[in-house]
Amino acid sequence: MKKNFVRIYQQLEASGNPLKANFIFLLAFFHSLVQERRNYIPQGWSKIYEFSYSDLKVSIEIITNLIKEYE
C-alpha cells in the first residue's frame, strides 16, 4: 500500500495551498487503500468497488473548485 500511496501522491500537485495539500493527501491515501483492498476480494469487501485514477482526478478537481469558491 505504501508504494501505491507514494506513487499516487507524487503524481498529484498541491500547488502550495496547505488545505488542498491535506485533501490531496487524504484522497491519495483513500485511493491506495481501495486499490490495495481489491487484492483481498471477497475478504476485503462485500462488493467490488471501482475507484480508478480518473475518479481520483475528478475528486481533486471538485475539491479544487470548492476551495476556490470558499477562498
N, C-alpha and C. Protein backbone atom coordinates (compact mmCIF):
# COMPACT_ATOMS: atom_id res chain seq x y z
N MET A 1 0.82 -1.18 0.00
CA MET A 1 0.00 0.00 0.00
C MET A 1 0.88 1.26 0.00
N LYS A 2 1.99 1.19 0.70
CA LYS A 2 2.86 2.37 0.81
C LYS A 2 3.39 2.79 -0.56
N LYS A 3 3.84 1.83 -1.37
CA LYS A 3 4.37 2.17 -2.69
C LYS A 3 3.29 2.81 -3.56
N ASN A 4 2.10 2.25 -3.51
CA ASN A 4 0.98 2.78 -4.28
C ASN A 4 0.66 4.21 -3.82
N PHE A 5 0.63 4.42 -2.52
CA PHE A 5 0.34 5.75 -1.97
C PHE A 5 1.39 6.77 -2.39
N VAL A 6 2.65 6.42 -2.24
CA VAL A 6 3.74 7.34 -2.59
C VAL A 6 3.70 7.67 -4.08
N ARG A 7 3.46 6.68 -4.92
CA ARG A 7 3.39 6.90 -6.37
C ARG A 7 2.27 7.86 -6.71
N ILE A 8 1.10 7.64 -6.14
CA ILE A 8 -0.06 8.50 -6.42
C ILE A 8 0.18 9.90 -5.89
N TYR A 9 0.67 10.01 -4.67
CA TYR A 9 0.86 11.33 -4.04
C TYR A 9 1.90 12.16 -4.80
N GLN A 10 2.93 11.51 -5.33
CA GLN A 10 3.96 12.24 -6.07
C GLN A 10 3.44 12.73 -7.42
N GLN A 11 2.46 12.04 -7.99
CA GLN A 11 1.91 12.45 -9.28
C GLN A 11 0.99 13.66 -9.17
N LEU A 12 0.45 13.90 -7.99
CA LEU A 12 -0.53 14.96 -7.81
C LEU A 12 0.15 16.25 -7.39
N GLU A 13 -0.47 17.35 -7.73
CA GLU A 13 0.11 18.67 -7.45
C GLU A 13 -0.73 19.40 -6.41
N ALA A 14 -0.11 19.84 -5.34
CA ALA A 14 -0.82 20.56 -4.28
C ALA A 14 -0.78 22.07 -4.49
N SER A 15 0.10 22.56 -5.32
CA SER A 15 0.23 23.97 -5.71
C SER A 15 0.37 24.93 -4.53
N GLY A 16 1.03 24.53 -3.47
CA GLY A 16 1.32 25.44 -2.38
C GLY A 16 0.18 25.77 -1.44
N ASN A 17 -1.00 25.29 -1.70
CA ASN A 17 -2.15 25.55 -0.83
C ASN A 17 -2.20 24.44 0.23
N PRO A 18 -2.03 24.78 1.52
CA PRO A 18 -2.00 23.74 2.55
C PRO A 18 -3.31 22.97 2.68
N LEU A 19 -4.43 23.64 2.49
CA LEU A 19 -5.72 22.96 2.57
C LEU A 19 -5.87 21.95 1.44
N LYS A 20 -5.50 22.37 0.23
CA LYS A 20 -5.56 21.46 -0.91
C LYS A 20 -4.59 20.30 -0.73
N ALA A 21 -3.41 20.58 -0.19
CA ALA A 21 -2.42 19.53 0.04
C ALA A 21 -2.97 18.49 1.02
N ASN A 22 -3.68 18.93 2.05
CA ASN A 22 -4.27 18.00 3.01
C ASN A 22 -5.32 17.11 2.34
N PHE A 23 -6.16 17.72 1.52
CA PHE A 23 -7.19 16.94 0.84
C PHE A 23 -6.58 15.96 -0.16
N ILE A 24 -5.55 16.40 -0.87
CA ILE A 24 -4.89 15.50 -1.81
C ILE A 24 -4.24 14.34 -1.08
N PHE A 25 -3.64 14.61 0.06
CA PHE A 25 -3.06 13.55 0.88
C PHE A 25 -4.12 12.53 1.26
N LEU A 26 -5.28 13.02 1.73
CA LEU A 26 -6.36 12.11 2.14
C LEU A 26 -6.91 11.32 0.96
N LEU A 27 -7.09 11.97 -0.17
CA LEU A 27 -7.60 11.27 -1.35
C LEU A 27 -6.60 10.22 -1.85
N ALA A 28 -5.32 10.56 -1.84
CA ALA A 28 -4.30 9.61 -2.27
C ALA A 28 -4.27 8.41 -1.33
N PHE A 29 -4.41 8.66 -0.04
CA PHE A 29 -4.44 7.57 0.94
C PHE A 29 -5.67 6.68 0.71
N PHE A 30 -6.83 7.31 0.54
CA PHE A 30 -8.06 6.56 0.31
C PHE A 30 -7.96 5.74 -0.98
N HIS A 31 -7.44 6.35 -2.03
CA HIS A 31 -7.31 5.65 -3.31
C HIS A 31 -6.39 4.44 -3.19
N SER A 32 -5.25 4.61 -2.55
CA SER A 32 -4.33 3.48 -2.40
C SER A 32 -4.92 2.40 -1.51
N LEU A 33 -5.70 2.80 -0.50
CA LEU A 33 -6.37 1.82 0.36
C LEU A 33 -7.38 0.99 -0.42
N VAL A 34 -8.21 1.66 -1.21
CA VAL A 34 -9.21 0.95 -2.00
C VAL A 34 -8.53 0.03 -3.02
N GLN A 35 -7.48 0.51 -3.67
CA GLN A 35 -6.79 -0.31 -4.65
C GLN A 35 -6.13 -1.53 -3.99
N GLU A 36 -5.58 -1.35 -2.82
CA GLU A 36 -4.93 -2.47 -2.12
C GLU A 36 -5.95 -3.49 -1.64
N ARG A 37 -7.09 -3.02 -1.16
CA ARG A 37 -8.11 -3.94 -0.65
C ARG A 37 -8.72 -4.79 -1.75
N ARG A 38 -8.64 -4.31 -3.00
CA ARG A 38 -9.17 -5.11 -4.12
C ARG A 38 -8.43 -6.44 -4.24
N ASN A 39 -7.22 -6.51 -3.73
CA ASN A 39 -6.45 -7.76 -3.79
C ASN A 39 -7.05 -8.83 -2.89
N TYR A 40 -7.89 -8.44 -1.95
CA TYR A 40 -8.42 -9.38 -0.97
C TYR A 40 -9.90 -9.68 -1.16
N ILE A 41 -10.43 -9.44 -2.35
CA ILE A 41 -11.84 -9.75 -2.62
C ILE A 41 -11.97 -11.26 -2.57
N PRO A 42 -12.92 -11.86 -1.94
CA PRO A 42 -14.08 -11.28 -1.29
C PRO A 42 -13.87 -10.96 0.19
N GLN A 43 -12.70 -11.24 0.75
CA GLN A 43 -12.50 -10.98 2.17
C GLN A 43 -12.43 -9.48 2.48
N GLY A 44 -11.89 -8.69 1.58
CA GLY A 44 -11.68 -7.27 1.84
C GLY A 44 -12.94 -6.43 1.75
N TRP A 45 -13.83 -6.78 0.84
CA TRP A 45 -15.05 -6.00 0.63
C TRP A 45 -16.22 -6.96 0.40
N SER A 46 -17.41 -6.50 0.70
CA SER A 46 -18.59 -7.31 0.38
C SER A 46 -19.04 -7.04 -1.06
N LYS A 47 -18.59 -5.93 -1.65
CA LYS A 47 -18.88 -5.58 -3.04
C LYS A 47 -17.59 -5.17 -3.72
N ILE A 48 -17.60 -5.21 -5.04
CA ILE A 48 -16.44 -4.74 -5.79
C ILE A 48 -16.59 -3.24 -6.01
N TYR A 49 -15.61 -2.47 -5.56
CA TYR A 49 -15.62 -1.02 -5.72
C TYR A 49 -14.62 -0.63 -6.79
N GLU A 50 -15.06 0.13 -7.74
CA GLU A 50 -14.17 0.65 -8.77
C GLU A 50 -13.89 2.11 -8.47
N PHE A 51 -12.70 2.42 -8.05
CA PHE A 51 -12.26 3.79 -7.81
C PHE A 51 -10.95 3.94 -8.56
N SER A 52 -11.06 4.34 -9.82
CA SER A 52 -9.90 4.39 -10.70
C SER A 52 -9.14 5.71 -10.56
N TYR A 53 -8.06 5.82 -11.30
CA TYR A 53 -7.26 7.04 -11.27
C TYR A 53 -8.07 8.23 -11.79
N SER A 54 -8.93 7.98 -12.77
CA SER A 54 -9.77 9.07 -13.28
C SER A 54 -10.74 9.57 -12.22
N ASP A 55 -11.26 8.67 -11.39
CA ASP A 55 -12.12 9.08 -10.27
C ASP A 55 -11.33 9.95 -9.28
N LEU A 56 -10.10 9.58 -9.06
CA LEU A 56 -9.24 10.36 -8.17
C LEU A 56 -9.02 11.77 -8.73
N LYS A 57 -8.73 11.86 -10.03
CA LYS A 57 -8.51 13.16 -10.66
C LYS A 57 -9.77 14.03 -10.59
N VAL A 58 -10.94 13.45 -10.82
CA VAL A 58 -12.19 14.20 -10.74
C VAL A 58 -12.43 14.67 -9.31
N SER A 59 -12.14 13.83 -8.34
CA SER A 59 -12.29 14.22 -6.94
C SER A 59 -11.41 15.42 -6.60
N ILE A 60 -10.21 15.42 -7.13
CA ILE A 60 -9.29 16.53 -6.88
C ILE A 60 -9.80 17.81 -7.56
N GLU A 61 -10.34 17.68 -8.76
CA GLU A 61 -10.91 18.85 -9.44
C GLU A 61 -12.07 19.43 -8.64
N ILE A 62 -12.92 18.57 -8.10
CA ILE A 62 -14.06 19.04 -7.30
C ILE A 62 -13.56 19.76 -6.05
N ILE A 63 -12.59 19.18 -5.37
CA ILE A 63 -12.04 19.81 -4.17
C ILE A 63 -11.38 21.14 -4.52
N THR A 64 -10.66 21.19 -5.62
CA THR A 64 -10.02 22.44 -6.05
C THR A 64 -11.07 23.52 -6.30
N ASN A 65 -12.15 23.16 -6.97
CA ASN A 65 -13.22 24.13 -7.23
C ASN A 65 -13.88 24.60 -5.94
N LEU A 66 -14.10 23.69 -5.00
CA LEU A 66 -14.70 24.08 -3.72
C LEU A 66 -13.78 25.01 -2.93
N ILE A 67 -12.50 24.73 -2.95
CA ILE A 67 -11.55 25.59 -2.23
C ILE A 67 -11.53 26.98 -2.85
N LYS A 68 -11.51 27.05 -4.18
CA LYS A 68 -11.52 28.36 -4.86
C LYS A 68 -12.80 29.12 -4.55
N GLU A 69 -13.91 28.41 -4.47
CA GLU A 69 -15.20 29.04 -4.21
C GLU A 69 -15.27 29.65 -2.81
N TYR A 70 -14.64 29.01 -1.84
CA TYR A 70 -14.73 29.47 -0.46
C TYR A 70 -13.55 30.33 -0.02
N GLU A 71 -12.62 30.62 -0.90
CA GLU A 71 -11.48 31.48 -0.52
C GLU A 71 -11.85 32.93 -0.56
